[in-house]
Amino acid sequence: RERKLTVLDTAFTDVVRVELGIAVGEIEQLAAWLT
């Protein structure tokens, strides 16, 4: 929310699946940050 990232969908099962929409040029940087 603070980073104003686009959340396309959130699914709650035994785990949480958060689907984001990210500009292609920012994917690597965001993946590293999430990890």
Full PDB file with SEQRES, HELIX, SHEET, SSBOND, CRYST1, ORIGX, SCALE, CONECT and MASTER records, all heavy atoms in Angstrom:
SEQRES   1 A   35  ARG GLU ARG LYS LEU THR VAL LEU ASP THR ALA PHE THR          
SEQRES   2 A   35  ASP VAL VAL ARG VAL GLU LEU GLY ILE ALA VAL GLY GLU          
SEQRES   3 A   35  ILE GLU GLN LEU ALA ALA TRP LEU THR                          
HELIX    1 AA1 VAL A   24  GLU A   26  5                                   3    
HELIX    2 AA2 ILE A   27  LEU A   34  1                                   8    
SHEET    1 AA1 2 THR A   6  PHE A  12  0                                        
SHEET    2 AA1 2 VAL A  16  GLY A  21 -1                                        
CRYST1    1.000    1.000    1.000  90.00  90.00  90.00 P 1           1          
ORIGX1      1.000000  0.000000  0.000000        0.00000                         
ORIGX2      0.000000  1.000000  0.000000        0.00000                         
ORIGX3      0.000000  0.000000  1.000000        0.00000                         
SCALE1      1.000000  0.000000  0.000000        0.00000                         
SCALE2      0.000000  1.000000  0.000000        0.00000                         
SCALE3      0.000000  0.000000  1.000000        0.00000                         
ATOM      1  N   ARG A   1       0.832  -1.193   0.000  1.00  0.00           N  
ATOM      2  CA  ARG A   1       0.000   0.000   0.000  1.00  0.00           C  
ATOM      3  C   ARG A   1       0.877   1.257   0.000  1.00  0.00           C  
ATOM      4  O   ARG A   1       0.608   2.208  -0.734  1.00  0.00           O  
ATOM      5  CB  ARG A   1      -0.924  -0.002   1.215  1.00  0.00           C  
ATOM      6  CG  ARG A   1      -1.960   1.109   1.201  1.00  0.00           C  
ATOM      7  CD  ARG A   1      -2.868   1.045   2.417  1.00  0.00           C  
ATOM      8  NE  ARG A   1      -3.585  -0.216   2.492  1.00  0.00           N  
ATOM      9  CZ  ARG A   1      -3.376  -1.148   3.406  1.00  0.00           C  
ATOM     10  NH1 ARG A   1      -2.454  -0.970   4.343  1.00  0.00           N  
ATOM     11  NH2 ARG A   1      -4.075  -2.263   3.405  1.00  0.00           N  
ATOM     12  N   GLU A   2       1.903   1.266   0.823  1.00  0.00           N  
ATOM     13  CA  GLU A   2       2.784   2.429   0.903  1.00  0.00           C  
ATOM     14  C   GLU A   2       3.522   2.673  -0.409  1.00  0.00           C  
ATOM     15  O   GLU A   2       3.720   3.815  -0.826  1.00  0.00           O  
ATOM     16  CB  GLU A   2       3.803   2.245   2.038  1.00  0.00           C  
ATOM     17  CG  GLU A   2       3.202   2.381   3.421  1.00  0.00           C  
ATOM     18  CD  GLU A   2       4.251   2.248   4.510  1.00  0.00           C  
ATOM     19  OE1 GLU A   2       5.459   2.342   4.188  1.00  0.00           O  
ATOM     20  OE2 GLU A   2       3.861   2.051   5.675  1.00  0.00           O  
ATOM     21  N   ARG A   3       3.907   1.618  -1.078  1.00  0.00           N  
ATOM     22  CA  ARG A   3       4.611   1.741  -2.352  1.00  0.00           C  
ATOM     23  C   ARG A   3       3.667   1.963  -3.531  1.00  0.00           C  
ATOM     24  O   ARG A   3       4.108   2.145  -4.661  1.00  0.00           O  
ATOM     25  CB  ARG A   3       5.457   0.472  -2.599  1.00  0.00           C  
ATOM     26  CG  ARG A   3       6.694   0.370  -1.718  1.00  0.00           C  
ATOM     27  CD  ARG A   3       7.365  -0.974  -1.878  1.00  0.00           C  
ATOM     28  NE  ARG A   3       8.644  -1.007  -1.178  1.00  0.00           N  
ATOM     29  CZ  ARG A   3       9.837  -0.932  -1.756  1.00  0.00           C  
ATOM     30  NH1 ARG A   3       9.912  -0.818  -3.073  1.00  0.00           N  
ATOM     31  NH2 ARG A   3      10.934  -0.957  -1.053  1.00  0.00           N  
ATOM     32  N   LYS A   4       2.361   1.920  -3.260  1.00  0.00           N  
ATOM     33  CA  LYS A   4       1.332   2.140  -4.282  1.00  0.00           C  
ATOM     34  C   LYS A   4       1.473   1.166  -5.451  1.00  0.00           C  
ATOM     35  O   LYS A   4       1.334   1.529  -6.612  1.00  0.00           O  
ATOM     36  CB  LYS A   4       1.368   3.584  -4.777  1.00  0.00           C  
ATOM     37  CG  LYS A   4       1.072   4.601  -3.683  1.00  0.00           C  
ATOM     38  CD  LYS A   4       1.101   6.026  -4.226  1.00  0.00           C  
ATOM     39  CE  LYS A   4       0.765   7.019  -3.113  1.00  0.00           C  
ATOM     40  NZ  LYS A   4       0.797   8.427  -3.583  1.00  0.00           N  
ATOM     41  N   LEU A   5       1.756  -0.093  -5.107  1.00  0.00           N  
ATOM     42  CA  LEU A   5       1.845  -1.133  -6.119  1.00  0.00           C  
ATOM     43  C   LEU A   5       0.448  -1.621  -6.485  1.00  0.00           C  
ATOM     44  O   LEU A   5      -0.475  -1.595  -5.665  1.00  0.00           O  
ATOM     45  CB  LEU A   5       2.701  -2.296  -5.611  1.00  0.00           C  
ATOM     46  CG  LEU A   5       4.173  -1.946  -5.344  1.00  0.00           C  
ATOM     47  CD1 LEU A   5       4.886  -3.117  -4.687  1.00  0.00           C  
ATOM     48  CD2 LEU A   5       4.866  -1.562  -6.637  1.00  0.00           C  
ATOM     49  N   THR A   6       0.300  -2.059  -7.717  1.00  0.00           N  
ATOM     50  CA  THR A   6      -1.002  -2.507  -8.208  1.00  0.00           C  
ATOM     51  C   THR A   6      -1.244  -3.962  -7.814  1.00  0.00           C  
ATOM     52  O   THR A   6      -0.549  -4.863  -8.288  1.00  0.00           O  
ATOM     53  CB  THR A   6      -1.086  -2.370  -9.739  1.00  0.00           C  
ATOM     54  OG1 THR A   6      -0.890  -0.995 -10.093  1.00  0.00           O  
ATOM     55  CG2 THR A   6      -2.438  -2.835 -10.249  1.00  0.00           C  
ATOM     56  N   VAL A   7      -2.216  -4.187  -6.957  1.00  0.00           N  
ATOM     57  CA  VAL A   7      -2.603  -5.536  -6.555  1.00  0.00           C  
ATOM     58  C   VAL A   7      -3.791  -5.956  -7.420  1.00  0.00           C  
ATOM     59  O   VAL A   7      -4.871  -5.381  -7.336  1.00  0.00           O  
ATOM     60  CB  VAL A   7      -2.977  -5.604  -5.067  1.00  0.00           C  
ATOM     61  CG1 VAL A   7      -3.417  -7.013  -4.694  1.00  0.00           C  
ATOM     62  CG2 VAL A   7      -1.801  -5.164  -4.197  1.00  0.00           C  
ATOM     63  N   LEU A   8      -3.587  -6.952  -8.266  1.00  0.00           N  
ATOM     64  CA  LEU A   8      -4.633  -7.411  -9.174  1.00  0.00           C  
ATOM     65  C   LEU A   8      -5.596  -8.379  -8.505  1.00  0.00           C  
ATOM     66  O   LEU A   8      -6.785  -8.391  -8.816  1.00  0.00           O  
ATOM     67  CB  LEU A   8      -3.998  -8.085 -10.400  1.00  0.00           C  
ATOM     68  CG  LEU A   8      -3.035  -7.213 -11.223  1.00  0.00           C  
ATOM     69  CD1 LEU A   8      -2.387  -8.052 -12.313  1.00  0.00           C  
ATOM     70  CD2 LEU A   8      -3.764  -6.029 -11.822  1.00  0.00           C  
ATOM     71  N   ASP A   9      -5.077  -9.184  -7.584  1.00  0.00           N  
ATOM     72  CA  ASP A   9      -5.930 -10.172  -6.928  1.00  0.00           C  
ATOM     73  C   ASP A   9      -5.223 -10.696  -5.685  1.00  0.00           C  
ATOM     74  O   ASP A   9      -3.984 -10.719  -5.622  1.00  0.00           O  
ATOM     75  CB  ASP A   9      -6.232 -11.331  -7.887  1.00  0.00           C  
ATOM     76  CG  ASP A   9      -7.282 -12.288  -7.329  1.00  0.00           C  
ATOM     77  OD1 ASP A   9      -8.177 -11.818  -6.596  1.00  0.00           O  
ATOM     78  OD2 ASP A   9      -7.200 -13.496  -7.606  1.00  0.00           O  
ATOM     79  N   THR A  10      -6.015 -11.087  -4.684  1.00  0.00           N  
ATOM     80  CA  THR A  10      -5.479 -11.732  -3.481  1.00  0.00           C  
ATOM     81  C   THR A  10      -6.344 -12.941  -3.163  1.00  0.00           C  
ATOM     82  O   THR A  10      -7.576 -12.814  -3.074  1.00  0.00           O  
ATOM     83  CB  THR A  10      -5.469 -10.767  -2.278  1.00  0.00           C  
ATOM     84  OG1 THR A  10      -4.765  -9.574  -2.625  1.00  0.00           O  
ATOM     85  CG2 THR A  10      -4.780 -11.418  -1.082  1.00  0.00           C  
ATOM     86  N   ALA A  11      -5.722 -14.100  -3.027  1.00  0.00           N  
ATOM     87  CA  ALA A  11      -6.452 -15.341  -2.744  1.00  0.00           C  
ATOM     88  C   ALA A  11      -5.950 -15.928  -1.428  1.00  0.00           C  
ATOM     89  O   ALA A  11      -4.730 -16.009  -1.189  1.00  0.00           O  
ATOM     90  CB  ALA A  11      -6.257 -16.338  -3.879  1.00  0.00           C  
ATOM     91  N   PHE A  12      -6.887 -16.330  -0.569  1.00  0.00           N  
ATOM     92  CA  PHE A  12      -6.554 -16.875   0.752  1.00  0.00           C  
ATOM     93  C   PHE A  12      -6.956 -18.350   0.804  1.00  0.00           C  
ATOM     94  O   PHE A  12      -8.141 -18.689   0.755  1.00  0.00           O  
ATOM     95  CB  PHE A  12      -7.283 -16.090   1.838  1.00  0.00           C  
ATOM     96  CG  PHE A  12      -6.956 -14.619   1.861  1.00  0.00           C  
ATOM     97  CD1 PHE A  12      -7.736 -13.716   1.153  1.00  0.00           C  
ATOM     98  CD2 PHE A  12      -5.864 -14.145   2.566  1.00  0.00           C  
ATOM     99  CE1 PHE A  12      -7.456 -12.362   1.166  1.00  0.00           C  
ATOM    100  CE2 PHE A  12      -5.558 -12.790   2.586  1.00  0.00           C  
ATOM    101  CZ  PHE A  12      -6.344 -11.889   1.892  1.00  0.00           C  
ATOM    102  N   THR A  13      -5.961 -19.214   0.902  1.00  0.00           N  
ATOM    103  CA  THR A  13      -6.205 -20.650   1.081  1.00  0.00           C  
ATOM    104  C   THR A  13      -5.351 -21.082   2.271  1.00  0.00           C  
ATOM    105  O   THR A  13      -5.409 -20.456   3.323  1.00  0.00           O  
ATOM    106  CB  THR A  13      -5.853 -21.428  -0.199  1.00  0.00           C  
ATOM    107  OG1 THR A  13      -4.498 -21.139  -0.572  1.00  0.00           O  
ATOM    108  CG2 THR A  13      -6.785 -21.038  -1.342  1.00  0.00           C  
ATOM    109  N   ASP A  14      -4.559 -22.124   2.110  1.00  0.00           N  
ATOM    110  CA  ASP A  14      -3.621 -22.478   3.169  1.00  0.00           C  
ATOM    111  C   ASP A  14      -2.443 -21.522   3.198  1.00  0.00           C  
ATOM    112  O   ASP A  14      -1.698 -21.439   4.180  1.00  0.00           O  
ATOM    113  CB  ASP A  14      -3.132 -23.917   2.997  1.00  0.00           C  
ATOM    114  CG  ASP A  14      -2.515 -24.151   1.625  1.00  0.00           C  
ATOM    115  OD1 ASP A  14      -3.008 -23.530   0.646  1.00  0.00           O  
ATOM    116  OD2 ASP A  14      -1.553 -24.935   1.529  1.00  0.00           O  
ATOM    117  N   VAL A  15      -2.278 -20.772   2.073  1.00  0.00           N  
ATOM    118  CA  VAL A  15      -1.283 -19.701   1.976  1.00  0.00           C  
ATOM    119  C   VAL A  15      -1.994 -18.487   1.359  1.00  0.00           C  
ATOM    120  O   VAL A  15      -3.166 -18.542   1.011  1.00  0.00           O  
ATOM    121  CB  VAL A  15      -0.086 -20.111   1.085  1.00  0.00           C  
ATOM    122  CG1 VAL A  15       0.736 -21.203   1.746  1.00  0.00           C  
ATOM    123  CG2 VAL A  15      -0.570 -20.545  -0.298  1.00  0.00           C  
ATOM    124  N   VAL A  16      -1.260 -17.392   1.257  1.00  0.00           N  
ATOM    125  CA  VAL A  16      -1.806 -16.186   0.626  1.00  0.00           C  
ATOM    126  C   VAL A  16      -1.098 -15.985  -0.711  1.00  0.00           C  
ATOM    127  O   VAL A  16       0.137 -16.017  -0.787  1.00  0.00           O  
ATOM    128  CB  VAL A  16      -1.618 -14.937   1.503  1.00  0.00           C  
ATOM    129  CG1 VAL A  16      -2.258 -13.717   0.839  1.00  0.00           C  
ATOM    130  CG2 VAL A  16      -2.185 -15.153   2.892  1.00  0.00           C  
ATOM    131  N   ARG A  17      -1.890 -15.803  -1.756  1.00  0.00           N  
ATOM    132  CA  ARG A  17      -1.346 -15.548  -3.090  1.00  0.00           C  
ATOM    133  C   ARG A  17      -1.714 -14.117  -3.480  1.00  0.00           C  
ATOM    134  O   ARG A  17      -2.897 -13.803  -3.643  1.00  0.00           O  
ATOM    135  CB  ARG A  17      -1.910 -16.545  -4.105  1.00  0.00           C  
ATOM    136  CG  ARG A  17      -1.607 -18.007  -3.760  1.00  0.00           C  
ATOM    137  CD  ARG A  17      -2.378 -18.952  -4.684  1.00  0.00           C  
ATOM    138  NE  ARG A  17      -1.921 -18.835  -6.063  1.00  0.00           N  
ATOM    139  CZ  ARG A  17      -0.948 -19.585  -6.588  1.00  0.00           C  
ATOM    140  NH1 ARG A  17      -0.357 -20.515  -5.842  1.00  0.00           N  
ATOM    141  NH2 ARG A  17      -0.588 -19.431  -7.844  1.00  0.00           N  
ATOM    142  N   VAL A  18      -0.709 -13.281  -3.600  1.00  0.00           N  
ATOM    143  CA  VAL A  18      -0.911 -11.871  -3.954  1.00  0.00           C  
ATOM    144  C   VAL A  18      -0.410 -11.669  -5.379  1.00  0.00           C  
ATOM    145  O   VAL A  18       0.785 -11.812  -5.655  1.00  0.00           O  
ATOM    146  CB  VAL A  18      -0.150 -10.938  -2.996  1.00  0.00           C  
ATOM    147  CG1 VAL A  18      -0.444  -9.474  -3.348  1.00  0.00           C  
ATOM    148  CG2 VAL A  18      -0.534 -11.230  -1.551  1.00  0.00           C  
ATOM    149  N   GLU A  19      -1.339 -11.340  -6.285  1.00  0.00           N  
ATOM    150  CA  GLU A  19      -0.973 -11.129  -7.681  1.00  0.00           C  
ATOM    151  C   GLU A  19      -0.800  -9.631  -7.930  1.00  0.00           C  
ATOM    152  O   GLU A  19      -1.732  -8.848  -7.730  1.00  0.00           O  
ATOM    153  CB  GLU A  19      -2.041 -11.694  -8.620  1.00  0.00           C  
ATOM    154  CG  GLU A  19      -1.658 -11.596 -10.090  1.00  0.00           C  
ATOM    155  CD  GLU A  19      -2.705 -12.180 -11.007  1.00  0.00           C  
ATOM    156  OE1 GLU A  19      -3.851 -11.688 -10.982  1.00  0.00           O  
ATOM    157  OE2 GLU A  19      -2.398 -13.126 -11.747  1.00  0.00           O  
ATOM    158  N   LEU A  20       0.383  -9.251  -8.399  1.00  0.00           N  
ATOM    159  CA  LEU A  20       0.722  -7.858  -8.651  1.00  0.00           C  
ATOM    160  C   LEU A  20       0.842  -7.604 -10.147  1.00  0.00           C  
ATOM    161  O   LEU A  20       1.172  -8.508 -10.918  1.00  0.00           O  
ATOM    162  CB  LEU A  20       2.047  -7.498  -7.976  1.00  0.00           C  
ATOM    163  CG  LEU A  20       2.150  -7.780  -6.475  1.00  0.00           C  
ATOM    164  CD1 LEU A  20       3.585  -7.560  -6.009  1.00  0.00           C  
ATOM    165  CD2 LEU A  20       1.188  -6.885  -5.712  1.00  0.00           C  
ATOM    166  N   GLY A  21       0.596  -6.362 -10.553  1.00  0.00           N  
ATOM    167  CA  GLY A  21       0.842  -5.934 -11.920  1.00  0.00           C  
ATOM    168  C   GLY A  21       2.012  -4.970 -11.921  1.00  0.00           C  
ATOM    169  O   GLY A  21       1.929  -3.880 -11.349  1.00  0.00           O  
ATOM    170  N   ILE A  22       3.103  -5.370 -12.540  1.00  0.00           N  
ATOM    171  CA  ILE A  22       4.356  -4.620 -12.444  1.00  0.00           C  
ATOM    172  C   ILE A  22       4.878  -4.278 -13.836  1.00  0.00           C  
ATOM    173  O   ILE A  22       4.857  -5.127 -14.741  1.00  0.00           O  
ATOM    174  CB  ILE A  22       5.439  -5.433 -11.693  1.00  0.00           C  
ATOM    175  CG1 ILE A  22       4.883  -5.941 -10.357  1.00  0.00           C  
ATOM    176  CG2 ILE A  22       6.702  -4.607 -11.491  1.00  0.00           C  
ATOM    177  CD1 ILE A  22       4.478  -4.856  -9.393  1.00  0.00           C  
ATOM    178  N   ALA A  23       5.346  -3.065 -14.019  1.00  0.00           N  
ATOM    179  CA  ALA A  23       5.982  -2.683 -15.274  1.00  0.00           C  
ATOM    180  C   ALA A  23       7.153  -3.630 -15.539  1.00  0.00           C  
ATOM    181  O   ALA A  23       7.936  -3.937 -14.629  1.00  0.00           O  
ATOM    182  CB  ALA A  23       6.474  -1.241 -15.216  1.00  0.00           C  
ATOM    183  N   VAL A  24       7.261  -4.093 -16.781  1.00  0.00           N  
ATOM    184  CA  VAL A  24       8.265  -5.103 -17.118  1.00  0.00           C  
ATOM    185  C   VAL A  24       9.672  -4.664 -16.717  1.00  0.00           C  
ATOM    186  O   VAL A  24      10.463  -5.457 -16.206  1.00  0.00           O  
ATOM    187  CB  VAL A  24       8.196  -5.428 -18.628  1.00  0.00           C  
ATOM    188  CG1 VAL A  24       9.420  -6.219 -19.073  1.00  0.00           C  
ATOM    189  CG2 VAL A  24       6.934  -6.226 -18.934  1.00  0.00           C  
ATOM    190  N   GLY A  25       9.971  -3.395 -16.902  1.00  0.00           N  
ATOM    191  CA  GLY A  25      11.310  -2.910 -16.571  1.00  0.00           C  
ATOM    192  C   GLY A  25      11.612  -2.875 -15.084  1.00  0.00           C  
ATOM    193  O   GLY A  25      12.770  -2.702 -14.691  1.00  0.00           O  
ATOM    194  N   GLU A  26      10.579  -3.055 -14.244  1.00  0.00           N  
ATOM    195  CA  GLU A  26      10.769  -2.992 -12.792  1.00  0.00           C  
ATOM    196  C   GLU A  26      10.659  -4.365 -12.127  1.00  0.00           C  
ATOM    197  O   GLU A  26      10.778  -4.475 -10.904  1.00  0.00           O  
ATOM    198  CB  GLU A  26       9.728  -2.043 -12.185  1.00  0.00           C  
ATOM    199  CG  GLU A  26       9.829  -0.620 -12.718  1.00  0.00           C  
ATOM    200  CD  GLU A  26       8.698   0.264 -12.233  1.00  0.00           C  
ATOM    201  OE1 GLU A  26       7.870  -0.228 -11.427  1.00  0.00           O  
ATOM    202  OE2 GLU A  26       8.632   1.425 -12.649  1.00  0.00           O  
ATOM    203  N   ILE A  27      10.426  -5.401 -12.926  1.00  0.00           N  
ATOM    204  CA  ILE A  27      10.193  -6.744 -12.373  1.00  0.00           C  
ATOM    205  C   ILE A  27      11.380  -7.237 -11.543  1.00  0.00           C  
ATOM    206  O   ILE A  27      11.220  -7.714 -10.411  1.00  0.00           O  
ATOM    207  CB  ILE A  27       9.883  -7.754 -13.497  1.00  0.00           C  
ATOM    208  CG1 ILE A  27       8.443  -7.577 -13.993  1.00  0.00           C  
ATOM    209  CG2 ILE A  27      10.098  -9.178 -13.028  1.00  0.00           C  
ATOM    210  CD1 ILE A  27       7.391  -8.162 -13.090  1.00  0.00           C  
ATOM    211  N   GLU A  28      12.578  -7.155 -12.091  1.00  0.00           N  
ATOM    212  CA  GLU A  28      13.746  -7.710 -11.401  1.00  0.00           C  
ATOM    213  C   GLU A  28      13.974  -7.020 -10.070  1.00  0.00           C  
ATOM    214  O   GLU A  28      14.245  -7.671  -9.044  1.00  0.00           O  
ATOM    215  CB  GLU A  28      14.993  -7.579 -12.291  1.00  0.00           C  
ATOM    216  CG  GLU A  28      14.921  -8.353 -13.600  1.00  0.00           C  
ATOM    217  CD  GLU A  28      14.783  -9.844 -13.393  1.00  0.00           C  
ATOM    218  OE1 GLU A  28      15.176 -10.350 -12.322  1.00  0.00           O  
ATOM    219  OE2 GLU A  28      14.268 -10.525 -14.305  1.00  0.00           O  
ATOM    220  N   GLN A  29      13.877  -5.699 -10.067  1.00  0.00           N  
ATOM    221  CA  GLN A  29      14.098  -4.934  -8.837  1.00  0.00           C  
ATOM    222  C   GLN A  29      13.046  -5.269  -7.785  1.00  0.00           C  
ATOM    223  O   GLN A  29      13.369  -5.452  -6.613  1.00  0.00           O  
ATOM    224  CB  GLN A  29      14.077  -3.438  -9.149  1.00  0.00           C  
ATOM    225  CG  GLN A  29      14.319  -2.548  -7.930  1.00  0.00           C  
ATOM    226  CD  GLN A  29      14.298  -1.074  -8.287  1.00  0.00           C  
ATOM    227  OE1 GLN A  29      14.133  -0.702  -9.440  1.00  0.00           O  
ATOM    228  NE2 GLN A  29      14.461  -0.234  -7.289  1.00  0.00           N  
ATOM    229  N   LEU A  30      11.789  -5.376  -8.224  1.00  0.00           N  
ATOM    230  CA  LEU A  30      10.733  -5.665  -7.270  1.00  0.00           C  
ATOM    231  C   LEU A  30      10.847  -7.088  -6.742  1.00  0.00           C  
ATOM    232  O   LEU A  30      10.630  -7.339  -5.546  1.00  0.00           O  
ATOM    233  CB  LEU A  30       9.361  -5.457  -7.909  1.00  0.00           C  
ATOM    234  CG  LEU A  30       8.215  -5.637  -6.912  1.00  0.00           C  
ATOM    235  CD1 LEU A  30       8.136  -4.445  -5.977  1.00  0.00           C  
ATOM    236  CD2 LEU A  30       6.899  -5.860  -7.609  1.00  0.00           C  
ATOM    237  N   ALA A  31      11.192  -8.035  -7.612  1.00  0.00           N  
ATOM    238  CA  ALA A  31      11.355  -9.425  -7.171  1.00  0.00           C  
ATOM    239  C   ALA A  31      12.447  -9.531  -6.118  1.00  0.00           C  
ATOM    240  O   ALA A  31      12.308 -10.253  -5.119  1.00  0.00           O  
ATOM    241  CB  ALA A  31      11.672 -10.314  -8.369  1.00  0.00           C  
ATOM    242  N   ALA A  32      13.533  -8.794  -6.315  1.00  0.00           N  
ATOM    243  CA  ALA A  32      14.625  -8.800  -5.336  1.00  0.00           C  
ATOM    244  C   ALA A  32      14.155  -8.201  -4.017  1.00  0.00           C  
ATOM    245  O   ALA A  32      14.487  -8.717  -2.938  1.00  0.00           O  
ATOM    246  CB  ALA A  32      15.819  -8.025  -5.894  1.00  0.00           C  
ATOM    247  N   TRP A  33      13.394  -7.108  -4.095  1.00  0.00           N  
ATOM    248  CA  TRP A  33      12.886  -6.483  -2.871  1.00  0.00           C  
ATOM    249  C   TRP A  33      11.944  -7.423  -2.120  1.00  0.00           C  
ATOM    250  O   TRP A  33      12.040  -7.559  -0.891  1.00  0.00           O  
ATOM    251  CB  TRP A  33      12.166  -5.183  -3.209  1.00  0.00           C  
ATOM    252  CG  TRP A  33      11.455  -4.614  -2.022  1.00  0.00           C  
ATOM    253  CD1 TRP A  33      12.002  -3.952  -0.970  1.00  0.00           C  
ATOM    254  CD2 TRP A  33      10.046  -4.718  -1.753  1.00  0.00           C  
ATOM    255  NE1 TRP A  33      11.030  -3.629  -0.054  1.00  0.00           N  
ATOM    256  CE2 TRP A  33       9.823  -4.078  -0.506  1.00  0.00           C  
ATOM    257  CE3 TRP A  33       8.968  -5.272  -2.441  1.00  0.00           C  
ATOM    258  CZ2 TRP A  33       8.556  -3.988   0.059  1.00  0.00           C  
ATOM    259  CZ3 TRP A  33       7.700  -5.177  -1.878  1.00  0.00           C  
ATOM    260  CH2 TRP A  33       7.504  -4.543  -0.651  1.00  0.00           C  
ATOM    261  N   LEU A  34      11.031  -8.080  -2.835  1.00  0.00           N  
ATOM    262  CA  LEU A  34      10.100  -8.997  -2.197  1.00  0.00           C  
ATOM    263  C   LEU A  34      10.827 -10.144  -1.504  1.00  0.00           C  
ATOM    264  O   LEU A  34      10.498 -10.520  -0.371  1.00  0.00           O  
ATOM    265  CB  LEU A  34       9.123  -9.565  -3.231  1.00  0.00           C  
ATOM    266  CG  LEU A  34       7.977  -8.653  -3.685  1.00  0.00           C  
ATOM    267  CD1 LEU A  34       7.287  -9.257  -4.902  1.00  0.00           C  
ATOM    268  CD2 LEU A  34       6.978  -8.445  -2.559  1.00  0.00           C  
ATOM    269  N   THR A  35      11.820 -10.689  -2.187  1.00  0.00           N  
ATOM    270  CA  THR A  35      12.586 -11.797  -1.619  1.00  0.00           C  
ATOM    271  C   THR A  35      13.310 -11.367  -0.346  1.00  0.00           C  
ATOM    272  O   THR A  35      13.301 -12.087   0.663  1.00  0.00           O  
ATOM    273  CB  THR A  35      13.604 -12.318  -2.652  1.00  0.00           C  
ATOM    274  OG1 THR A  35      12.896 -12.764  -3.814  1.00  0.00           O  
ATOM    275  CG2 THR A  35      14.410 -13.480  -2.071  1.00  0.00           C  
TER     276      THR A  35                                                      
MASTER        0    0    0    2    2    0    0    6  275    1    0    3          
END                                                                             
